Amino acid sequence: MTGRDTDETDETDTIVQKTRRMEAAKKRRHDSAWYGLAMFGMVGWAVAVPIVLGAALGHWIDWRWPGETSWTLILILAGVVLGCLNAWYWIQRESRDD
């Protein structure tokens, strides 16, 4: 066996070990309480931001062009729908990464 064969074997072993460590880290990632908290926060923001933006835009439209239609309520409901779809997307994306 030459020195070159030994070097290639060492490199292959190193790559295999790193791959195993990465796979183990991916499995442990979902066991952490921090991961759960991060998912909870991400889903919360994914729902809250469209609702707040819808309320702000609706309030501005109602103030700028008063009428019988409450754009604030309509855009809050649109924000809820958009936020729920957004949260569903993130949850599906995270569950696919498993």
PDB file of N, CA and C in Angstrom:
ATOM      1  N   MET A   1       0.839  -1.183   0.000  1.00  0.00           N
ATOM      2  CA  MET A   1       0.000   0.000   0.000  1.00  0.00           C
ATOM      3  C   MET A   1       0.882   1.243   0.000  1.00  0.00           C
ATOM      4  N   THR A   2       0.561   2.164  -0.837  1.00  0.00           N
ATOM      5  CA  THR A   2       1.375   3.375  -0.915  1.00  0.00           C
ATOM      6  C   THR A   2       0.832   4.430   0.029  1.00  0.00           C
ATOM      7  N   GLY A   3       1.606   5.459   0.200  1.00  0.00           N
ATOM      8  CA  GLY A   3       1.177   6.559   1.057  1.00  0.00           C
ATOM      9  C   GLY A   3      -0.046   7.261   0.511  1.00  0.00           C
ATOM     10  N   ARG A   4      -0.183   7.247  -0.812  1.00  0.00           N
ATOM     11  CA  ARG A   4      -1.336   7.907  -1.444  1.00  0.00           C
ATOM     12  C   ARG A   4      -2.631   7.178  -1.119  1.00  0.00           C
ATOM     13  N   ASP A   5      -2.614   5.845  -1.144  1.00  0.00           N
ATOM     14  CA  ASP A   5      -3.803   5.065  -0.795  1.00  0.00           C
ATOM     15  C   ASP A   5      -4.232   5.329   0.639  1.00  0.00           C
ATOM     16  N   THR A   6      -3.281   5.445   1.523  1.00  0.00           N
ATOM     17  CA  THR A   6      -3.586   5.713   2.931  1.00  0.00           C
ATOM     18  C   THR A   6      -4.223   7.087   3.078  1.00  0.00           C
ATOM     19  N   ASP A   7      -3.710   8.074   2.356  1.00  0.00           N
ATOM     20  CA  ASP A   7      -4.274   9.428   2.406  1.00  0.00           C
ATOM     21  C   ASP A   7      -5.716   9.440   1.908  1.00  0.00           C
ATOM     22  N   GLU A   8      -5.984   8.734   0.809  1.00  0.00           N
ATOM     23  CA  GLU A   8      -7.342   8.677   0.262  1.00  0.00           C
ATOM     24  C   GLU A   8      -8.287   7.983   1.229  1.00  0.00           C
ATOM     25  N   THR A   9      -7.827   6.929   1.887  1.00  0.00           N
ATOM     26  CA  THR A   9      -8.650   6.223   2.867  1.00  0.00           C
ATOM     27  C   THR A   9      -8.953   7.128   4.051  1.00  0.00           C
ATOM     28  N   ASP A  10      -7.957   7.880   4.515  1.00  0.00           N
ATOM     29  CA  ASP A  10      -8.168   8.808   5.629  1.00  0.00           C
ATOM     30  C   ASP A  10      -9.170   9.889   5.254  1.00  0.00           C
ATOM     31  N   GLU A  11      -9.066  10.413   4.036  1.00  0.00           N
ATOM     32  CA  GLU A  11     -10.003  11.441   3.583  1.00  0.00           C
ATOM     33  C   GLU A  11     -11.413  10.883   3.478  1.00  0.00           C
ATOM     34  N   THR A  12     -11.535   9.669   2.975  1.00  0.00           N
ATOM     35  CA  THR A  12     -12.845   9.034   2.858  1.00  0.00           C
ATOM     36  C   THR A  12     -13.455   8.815   4.231  1.00  0.00           C
ATOM     37  N   ASP A  13     -12.636   8.342   5.183  1.00  0.00           N
ATOM     38  CA  ASP A  13     -13.126   8.139   6.550  1.00  0.00           C
ATOM     39  C   ASP A  13     -13.577   9.458   7.167  1.00  0.00           C
ATOM     40  N   THR A  14     -12.838  10.517   6.928  1.00  0.00           N
ATOM     41  CA  THR A  14     -13.196  11.833   7.464  1.00  0.00           C
ATOM     42  C   THR A  14     -14.528  12.308   6.885  1.00  0.00           C
ATOM     43  N   ILE A  15     -14.706  12.130   5.596  1.00  0.00           N
ATOM     44  CA  ILE A  15     -15.954  12.535   4.948  1.00  0.00           C
ATOM     45  C   ILE A  15     -17.128  11.730   5.494  1.00  0.00           C
ATOM     46  N   VAL A  16     -16.946  10.435   5.665  1.00  0.00           N
ATOM     47  CA  VAL A  16     -18.013   9.578   6.196  1.00  0.00           C
ATOM     48  C   VAL A  16     -18.366   9.997   7.615  1.00  0.00           C
ATOM     49  N   GLN A  17     -17.358  10.279   8.444  1.00  0.00           N
ATOM     50  CA  GLN A  17     -17.616  10.705   9.823  1.00  0.00           C
ATOM     51  C   GLN A  17     -18.365  12.033   9.861  1.00  0.00           C
ATOM     52  N   LYS A  18     -17.957  12.980   9.020  1.00  0.00           N
ATOM     53  CA  LYS A  18     -18.641  14.278   8.989  1.00  0.00           C
ATOM     54  C   LYS A  18     -20.085  14.125   8.531  1.00  0.00           C
ATOM     55  N   THR A  19     -20.312  13.267   7.553  1.00  0.00           N
ATOM     56  CA  THR A  19     -21.666  13.030   7.065  1.00  0.00           C
ATOM     57  C   THR A  19     -22.534  12.436   8.168  1.00  0.00           C
ATOM     58  N   ARG A  20     -22.007  11.472   8.890  1.00  0.00           N
ATOM     59  CA  ARG A  20     -22.762  10.862  10.005  1.00  0.00           C
ATOM     60  C   ARG A  20     -23.073  11.883  11.090  1.00  0.00           C
ATOM     61  N   ARG A  21     -22.101  12.746  11.409  1.00  0.00           N
ATOM     62  CA  ARG A  21     -22.341  13.778  12.426  1.00  0.00           C
ATOM     63  C   ARG A  21     -23.416  14.758  11.971  1.00  0.00           C
ATOM     64  N   MET A  22     -23.396  15.125  10.690  1.00  0.00           N
ATOM     65  CA  MET A  22     -24.417  16.047  10.170  1.00  0.00           C
ATOM     66  C   MET A  22     -25.801  15.423  10.225  1.00  0.00           C
ATOM     67  N   GLU A  23     -25.918  14.159   9.867  1.00  0.00           N
ATOM     68  CA  GLU A  23     -27.212  13.476   9.915  1.00  0.00           C
ATOM     69  C   GLU A  23     -27.716  13.365  11.350  1.00  0.00           C
ATOM     70  N   ALA A  24     -26.814  13.070  12.283  1.00  0.00           N
ATOM     71  CA  ALA A  24     -27.210  12.987  13.697  1.00  0.00           C
ATOM     72  C   ALA A  24     -27.652  14.346  14.216  1.00  0.00           C
ATOM     73  N   ALA A  25     -26.978  15.414  13.798  1.00  0.00           N
ATOM     74  CA  ALA A  25     -27.352  16.762  14.231  1.00  0.00           C
ATOM     75  C   ALA A  25     -28.721  17.151  13.690  1.00  0.00           C
ATOM     76  N   LYS A  26     -29.034  16.750  12.448  1.00  0.00           N
ATOM     77  CA  LYS A  26     -30.354  17.043  11.883  1.00  0.00           C
ATOM     78  C   LYS A  26     -31.449  16.348  12.673  1.00  0.00           C
ATOM     79  N   LYS A  27     -31.199  15.116  13.108  1.00  0.00           N
ATOM     80  CA  LYS A  27     -32.196  14.380  13.893  1.00  0.00           C
ATOM     81  C   LYS A  27     -32.384  15.010  15.265  1.00  0.00           C
ATOM     82  N   ARG A  28     -31.302  15.448  15.887  1.00  0.00           N
ATOM     83  CA  ARG A  28     -31.383  16.053  17.223  1.00  0.00           C
ATOM     84  C   ARG A  28     -32.017  17.432  17.188  1.00  0.00           C
ATOM     85  N   ARG A  29     -31.953  18.113  16.058  1.00  0.00           N
ATOM     86  CA  ARG A  29     -32.466  19.479  15.947  1.00  0.00           C
ATOM     87  C   ARG A  29     -33.927  19.563  16.366  1.00  0.00           C
ATOM     88  N   HIS A  30     -34.727  18.584  16.008  1.00  0.00           N
ATOM     89  CA  HIS A  30     -36.160  18.613  16.291  1.00  0.00           C
ATOM     90  C   HIS A  30     -36.480  18.207  17.726  1.00  0.00           C
ATOM     91  N   ASP A  31     -35.516  17.685  18.451  1.00  0.00           N
ATOM     92  CA  ASP A  31     -35.748  17.269  19.828  1.00  0.00           C
ATOM     93  C   ASP A  31     -35.597  18.425  20.803  1.00  0.00           C
ATOM     94  N   SER A  32     -35.046  19.517  20.375  1.00  0.00           N
ATOM     95  CA  SER A  32     -34.738  20.634  21.251  1.00  0.00           C
ATOM     96  C   SER A  32     -35.987  21.464  21.563  1.00  0.00           C
ATOM     97  N   ALA A  33     -36.050  21.940  22.793  1.00  0.00           N
ATOM     98  CA  ALA A  33     -37.133  22.853  23.176  1.00  0.00           C
ATOM     99  C   ALA A  33     -36.984  24.179  22.434  1.00  0.00           C
ATOM    100  N   TRP A  34     -35.755  24.559  22.150  1.00  0.00           N
ATOM    101  CA  TRP A  34     -35.520  25.792  21.412  1.00  0.00           C
ATOM    102  C   TRP A  34     -36.085  25.706  20.001  1.00  0.00           C
ATOM    103  N   TYR A  35     -35.993  24.532  19.401  1.00  0.00           N
ATOM    104  CA  TYR A  35     -36.547  24.347  18.062  1.00  0.00           C
ATOM    105  C   TYR A  35     -38.065  24.540  18.105  1.00  0.00           C
ATOM    106  N   GLY A  36     -38.713  23.956  19.102  1.00  0.00           N
ATOM    107  CA  GLY A  36     -40.158  24.115  19.250  1.00  0.00           C
ATOM    108  C   GLY A  36     -40.552  25.568  19.462  1.00  0.00           C
ATOM    109  N   LEU A  37     -39.785  26.255  20.288  1.00  0.00           N
ATOM    110  CA  LEU A  37     -40.051  27.666  20.539  1.00  0.00           C
ATOM    111  C   LEU A  37     -39.843  28.490  19.275  1.00  0.00           C
ATOM    112  N   ALA A  38     -38.813  28.172  18.525  1.00  0.00           N
ATOM    113  CA  ALA A  38     -38.554  28.898  17.280  1.00  0.00           C
ATOM    114  C   ALA A  38     -39.682  28.674  16.273  1.00  0.00           C
ATOM    115  N   MET A  39     -40.161  27.442  16.164  1.00  0.00           N
ATOM    116  CA  MET A  39     -41.279  27.155  15.254  1.00  0.00           C
ATOM    117  C   MET A  39     -42.527  27.904  15.695  1.00  0.00           C
ATOM    118  N   PHE A  40     -42.788  27.911  16.999  1.00  0.00           N
ATOM    119  CA  PHE A  40     -43.941  28.619  17.530  1.00  0.00           C
ATOM    120  C   PHE A  40     -43.848  30.105  17.194  1.00  0.00           C
ATOM    121  N   GLY A  41     -42.666  30.683  17.370  1.00  0.00           N
ATOM    122  CA  GLY A  41     -42.473  32.097  17.067  1.00  0.00           C
ATOM    123  C   GLY A  41     -42.604  32.389  15.587  1.00  0.00           C
ATOM    124  N   MET A  42     -42.053  31.514  14.759  1.00  0.00           N
ATOM    125  CA  MET A  42     -42.116  31.721  13.313  1.00  0.00           C
ATOM    126  C   MET A  42     -43.566  31.666  12.827  1.00  0.00           C
ATOM    127  N   VAL A  43     -44.322  30.700  13.326  1.00  0.00           N
ATOM    128  CA  VAL A  43     -45.729  30.586  12.933  1.00  0.00           C
ATOM    129  C   VAL A  43     -46.509  31.789  13.452  1.00  0.00           C
ATOM    130  N   GLY A  44     -46.208  32.221  14.668  1.00  0.00           N
ATOM    131  CA  GLY A  44     -46.880  33.392  15.224  1.00  0.00           C
ATOM    132  C   GLY A  44     -46.655  34.643  14.394  1.00  0.00           C
ATOM    133  N   TRP A  45     -45.405  34.877  14.019  1.00  0.00           N
ATOM    134  CA  TRP A  45     -45.097  36.036  13.187  1.00  0.00           C
ATOM    135  C   TRP A  45     -45.714  35.893  11.808  1.00  0.00           C
ATOM    136  N   ALA A  46     -45.742  34.667  11.285  1.00  0.00           N
ATOM    137  CA  ALA A  46     -46.304  34.442   9.950  1.00  0.00           C
ATOM    138  C   ALA A  46     -47.793  34.783   9.918  1.00  0.00           C
ATOM    139  N   VAL A  47     -48.468  34.679  11.061  1.00  0.00           N
ATOM    140  CA  VAL A  47     -49.889  35.006  11.144  1.00  0.00           C
ATOM    141  C   VAL A  47     -50.082  36.473  11.544  1.00  0.00           C
ATOM    142  N   ALA A  48     -49.296  36.944  12.501  1.00  0.00           N
ATOM    143  CA  ALA A  48     -49.507  38.285  13.052  1.00  0.00           C
ATOM    144  C   ALA A  48     -49.183  39.405  12.063  1.00  0.00           C
ATOM    145  N   VAL A  49     -48.113  39.256  11.320  1.00  0.00           N
ATOM    146  CA  VAL A  49     -47.685  40.347  10.425  1.00  0.00           C
ATOM    147  C   VAL A  49     -48.743  40.671   9.363  1.00  0.00           C
ATOM    148  N   PRO A  50     -49.301  39.687   8.637  1.00  0.00           N
ATOM    149  CA  PRO A  50     -50.336  40.044   7.654  1.00  0.00           C
ATOM    150  C   PRO A  50     -51.587  40.661   8.293  1.00  0.00           C
ATOM    151  N   ILE A  51     -51.931  40.239   9.503  1.00  0.00           N
ATOM    152  CA  ILE A  51     -53.104  40.807  10.180  1.00  0.00           C
ATOM    153  C   ILE A  51     -52.853  42.278  10.513  1.00  0.00           C
ATOM    154  N   VAL A  52     -51.702  42.573  11.076  1.00  0.00           N
ATOM    155  CA  VAL A  52     -51.381  43.955  11.450  1.00  0.00           C
ATOM    156  C   VAL A  52     -51.267  44.843  10.206  1.00  0.00           C
ATOM    157  N   LEU A  53     -50.624  44.325   9.171  1.00  0.00           N
ATOM    158  CA  LEU A  53     -50.522  45.109   7.933  1.00  0.00           C
ATOM    159  C   LEU A  53     -51.899  45.352   7.307  1.00  0.00           C
ATOM    160  N   GLY A  54     -52.757  44.346   7.339  1.00  0.00           N
ATOM    161  CA  GLY A  54     -54.116  44.513   6.823  1.00  0.00           C
ATOM    162  C   GLY A  54     -54.898  45.537   7.625  1.00  0.00           C
ATOM    163  N   ALA A  55     -54.757  45.498   8.951  1.00  0.00           N
ATOM    164  CA  ALA A  55     -55.460  46.473   9.792  1.00  0.00           C
ATOM    165  C   ALA A  55     -54.962  47.886   9.525  1.00  0.00           C
ATOM    166  N   ALA A  56     -53.647  48.041   9.394  1.00  0.00           N
ATOM    167  CA  ALA A  56     -53.081  49.377   9.154  1.00  0.00           C
ATOM    168  C   ALA A  56     -53.513  49.914   7.786  1.00  0.00           C
ATOM    169  N   LEU A  57     -53.436  49.073   6.761  1.00  0.00           N
ATOM    170  CA  LEU A  57     -53.844  49.501   5.426  1.00  0.00           C
ATOM    171  C   LEU A  57     -55.344  49.807   5.386  1.00  0.00           C
ATOM    172  N   GLY A  58     -56.146  48.970   6.012  1.00  0.00           N
ATOM    173  CA  GLY A  58     -57.589  49.205   6.059  1.00  0.00           C
ATOM    174  C   GLY A  58     -57.944  50.481   6.787  1.00  0.00           C
ATOM    175  N   HIS A  59     -57.265  50.732   7.885  1.00  0.00           N
ATOM    176  CA  HIS A  59     -57.508  51.968   8.639  1.00  0.00           C
ATOM    177  C   HIS A  59     -57.142  53.181   7.789  1.00  0.00           C
ATOM    178  N   TRP A  60     -56.028  53.102   7.071  1.00  0.00           N
ATOM    179  CA  TRP A  60     -55.612  54.209   6.214  1.00  0.00           C
ATOM    180  C   TRP A  60     -56.630  54.443   5.097  1.00  0.00           C
ATOM    181  N   ILE A  61     -57.128  53.371   4.480  1.00  0.00           N
ATOM    182  CA  ILE A  61     -58.135  53.507   3.416  1.00  0.00           C
ATOM    183  C   ILE A  61     -59.419  54.112   3.981  1.00  0.00           C
ATOM    184  N   ASP A  62     -59.850  53.633   5.154  1.00  0.00           N
ATOM    185  CA  ASP A  62     -61.068  54.183   5.776  1.00  0.00           C
ATOM    186  C   ASP A  62     -60.900  55.660   6.129  1.00  0.00           C
ATOM    187  N   TRP A  63     -59.723  56.040   6.562  1.00  0.00           N
ATOM    188  CA  TRP A  63     -59.484  57.441   6.923  1.00  0.00           C
ATOM    189  C   TRP A  63     -59.419  58.309   5.665  1.00  0.00           C
ATOM    190  N   ARG A  64     -58.776  57.786   4.625  1.00  0.00           N
ATOM    191  CA  ARG A  64     -58.574  58.552   3.400  1.00  0.00           C
ATOM    192  C   ARG A  64     -59.868  58.685   2.585  1.00  0.00           C
ATOM    193  N   TRP A  65     -60.614  57.598   2.458  1.00  0.00           N
ATOM    194  CA  TRP A  65     -61.849  57.591   1.675  1.00  0.00           C
ATOM    195  C   TRP A  65     -62.985  56.996   2.509  1.00  0.00           C
ATOM    196  N   PRO A  66     -63.587  57.785   3.373  1.00  0.00           N
ATOM    197  CA  PRO A  66     -64.662  57.260   4.227  1.00  0.00           C
ATOM    198  C   PRO A  66     -65.850  56.779   3.389  1.00  0.00           C
ATOM    199  N   GLY A  67     -66.474  55.734   3.873  1.00  0.00           N
ATOM    200  CA  GLY A  67     -67.633  55.180   3.173  1.00  0.00           C
ATOM    201  C   GLY A  67     -68.356  54.211   4.095  1.00  0.00           C
ATOM    202  N   GLU A  68     -69.292  53.496   3.526  1.00  0.00           N
ATOM    203  CA  GLU A  68     -70.067  52.552   4.329  1.00  0.00           C
ATOM    204  C   GLU A  68     -69.328  51.232   4.547  1.00  0.00           C
ATOM    205  N   THR A  69     -68.374  50.921   3.708  1.00  0.00           N
ATOM    206  CA  THR A  69     -67.628  49.665   3.820  1.00  0.00           C
ATOM    207  C   THR A  69     -66.455  49.863   4.769  1.00  0.00           C
ATOM    208  N   SER A  70     -66.316  48.945   5.719  1.00  0.00           N
ATOM    209  CA  SER A  70     -65.191  49.000   6.646  1.00  0.00           C
ATOM    210  C   SER A  70     -64.029  48.204   6.065  1.00  0.00           C
ATOM    211  N   TRP A  71     -63.117  48.915   5.435  1.00  0.00           N
ATOM    212  CA  TRP A  71     -61.959  48.254   4.856  1.00  0.00           C
ATOM    213  C   TRP A  71     -61.042  47.687   5.928  1.00  0.00           C
ATOM    214  N   THR A  72     -61.086  48.269   7.113  1.00  0.00           N
ATOM    215  CA  THR A  72     -60.273  47.749   8.203  1.00  0.00           C
ATOM    216  C   THR A  72     -60.668  46.308   8.510  1.00  0.00           C
ATOM    217  N   LEU A  73     -61.966  46.053   8.664  1.00  0.00           N
ATOM    218  CA  LEU A  73     -62.424  44.695   8.957  1.00  0.00           C
ATOM    219  C   LEU A  73     -62.153  43.733   7.796  1.00  0.00           C
ATOM    220  N   ILE A  74     -62.395  44.203   6.592  1.00  0.00           N
ATOM    221  CA  ILE A  74     -62.178  43.346   5.424  1.00  0.00           C
ATOM    222  C   ILE A  74     -60.705  42.948   5.316  1.00  0.00           C
ATOM    223  N   LEU A  75     -59.815  43.917   5.491  1.00  0.00           N
ATOM    224  CA  LEU A  75     -58.387  43.609   5.347  1.00  0.00           C
ATOM    225  C   LEU A  75     -57.826  42.858   6.560  1.00  0.00           C
ATOM    226  N   ILE A  76     -58.444  43.000   7.725  1.00  0.00           N
ATOM    227  CA  ILE A  76     -58.055  42.159   8.863  1.00  0.00           C
ATOM    228  C   ILE A  76     -58.392  40.697   8.552  1.00  0.00           C
ATOM    229  N   LEU A  77     -59.595  40.459   8.028  1.00  0.00           N
ATOM    230  CA  LEU A  77     -59.978  39.092   7.660  1.00  0.00           C
ATOM    231  C   LEU A  77     -59.081  38.546   6.546  1.00  0.00           C
ATOM    232  N   ALA A  78     -58.757  39.386   5.575  1.00  0.00           N
ATOM    233  CA  ALA A  78     -57.835  38.958   4.517  1.00  0.00           C
ATOM    234  C   ALA A  78     -56.463  38.633   5.109  1.00  0.00           C
ATOM    235  N   GLY A  79     -56.028  39.411   6.099  1.00  0.00           N
ATOM    236  CA  GLY A  79     -54.757  39.152   6.776  1.00  0.00           C
ATOM    237  C   GLY A  79     -54.780  37.837   7.540  1.00  0.00           C
ATOM    238  N   VAL A  80     -55.916  37.515   8.154  1.00  0.00           N
ATOM    239  CA  VAL A  80     -56.049  36.232   8.859  1.00  0.00           C
ATOM    240  C   VAL A  80     -55.911  35.080   7.873  1.00  0.00           C
ATOM    241  N   VAL A  81     -56.605  35.177   6.748  1.00  0.00           N
ATOM    242  CA  VAL A  81     -56.535  34.114   5.737  1.00  0.00           C
ATOM    243  C   VAL A  81     -55.114  33.994   5.201  1.00  0.00           C
ATOM    244  N   LEU A  82     -54.514  35.116   4.827  1.00  0.00           N
ATOM    245  CA  LEU A  82     -53.154  35.102   4.303  1.00  0.00           C
ATOM    246  C   LEU A  82     -52.167  34.586   5.354  1.00  0.00           C
ATOM    247  N   GLY A  83     -52.334  35.000   6.594  1.00  0.00           N
ATOM    248  CA  GLY A  83     -51.452  34.549   7.671  1.00  0.00           C
ATOM    249  C   GLY A  83     -51.564  33.058   7.918  1.00  0.00           C
ATOM    250  N   CYS A  84     -52.769  32.524   7.880  1.00  0.00           N
ATOM    251  CA  CYS A  84     -52.949  31.084   8.070  1.00  0.00           C
ATOM    252  C   CYS A  84     -52.334  30.295   6.920  1.00  0.00           C
ATOM    253  N   LEU A  85     -52.493  30.782   5.697  1.00  0.00           N
ATOM    254  CA  LEU A  85     -51.852  30.119   4.557  1.00  0.00           C
ATOM    255  C   LEU A  85     -50.328  30.180   4.675  1.00  0.00           C
ATOM    256  N   ASN A  86     -49.837  31.309   5.112  1.00  0.00           N
ATOM    257  CA  ASN A  86     -48.402  31.484   5.306  1.00  0.00           C
ATOM    258  C   ASN A  86     -47.877  30.532   6.381  1.00  0.00           C
ATOM    259  N   ALA A  87     -48.578  30.416   7.503  1.00  0.00           N
ATOM    260  CA  ALA A  87     -48.178  29.502   8.576  1.00  0.00           C
ATOM    261  C   ALA A  87     -48.227  28.058   8.088  1.00  0.00           C
ATOM    262  N   TRP A  88     -49.259  27.710   7.342  1.00  0.00           N
ATOM    263  CA  TRP A  88     -49.367  26.350   6.802  1.00  0.00           C
ATOM    264  C   TRP A  88     -48.174  26.045   5.900  1.00  0.00           C
ATOM    265  N   TYR A  89     -47.797  27.021   5.069  1.00  0.00           N
ATOM    266  CA  TYR A  89     -46.646  26.848   4.181  1.00  0.00           C
ATOM    267  C   TYR A  89     -45.377  26.566   4.984  1.00  0.00           C
ATOM    268  N   TRP A  90     -45.124  27.361   6.044  1.00  0.00           N
ATOM    269  CA  TRP A  90     -43.908  27.176   6.838  1.00  0.00           C
ATOM    270  C   TRP A  90     -43.903  25.841   7.559  1.00  0.00           C
ATOM    271  N   ILE A  91     -45.045  25.436   8.087  1.00  0.00           N
ATOM    272  CA  ILE A  91     -45.116  24.151   8.786  1.00  0.00           C
ATOM    273  C   ILE A  91     -44.875  23.008   7.806  1.00  0.00           C
ATOM    274  N   GLN A  92     -45.478  23.082   6.626  1.00  0.00           N
ATOM    275  CA  GLN A  92     -45.256  22.049   5.611  1.00  0.00           C
ATOM    276  C   GLN A  92     -43.787  22.011   5.182  1.00  0.00           C
ATOM    277  N   ARG A  93     -43.192  23.167   5.039  1.00  0.00           N
ATOM    278  CA  ARG A  93     -41.793  23.227   4.619  1.00  0.00           C
ATOM    279  C   ARG A  93     -40.877  22.608   5.673  1.00  0.00           C
ATOM    280  N   GLU A  94     -41.118  22.909   6.938  1.00  0.00           N
ATOM    281  CA  GLU A  94     -40.301  22.345   8.002  1.00  0.00           C
ATOM    282  C   GLU A  94     -40.497  20.835   8.147  1.00  0.00           C
ATOM    283  N   SER A  95     -41.719  20.368   7.962  1.00  0.00           N
ATOM    284  CA  SER A  95     -41.960  18.930   8.096  1.00  0.00           C
ATOM    285  C   SER A  95     -41.376  18.169   6.919  1.00  0.00           C
ATOM    286  N   ARG A  96     -41.255  18.808   5.751  1.00  0.00           N
ATOM    287  CA  ARG A  96     -40.630  18.182   4.589  1.00  0.00           C
ATOM    288  C   ARG A  96     -39.128  18.028   4.769  1.00  0.00           C
ATOM    289  N   ASP A  97     -38.517  18.914   5.553  1.00  0.00           N
ATOM    290  CA  ASP A  97     -37.074  18.881   5.753  1.00  0.00           C
ATOM    291  C   ASP A  97     -36.626  17.723   6.643  1.00  0.00           C
ATOM    292  N   ASP A  98     -37.569  17.045   7.277  1.00  0.00           N
ATOM    293  CA  ASP A  98     -37.199  15.930   8.177  1.00  0.00           C
ATOM    294  C   ASP A  98     -36.563  14.793   7.453  1.00  0.00           C
TER     295      ASP A  98
END
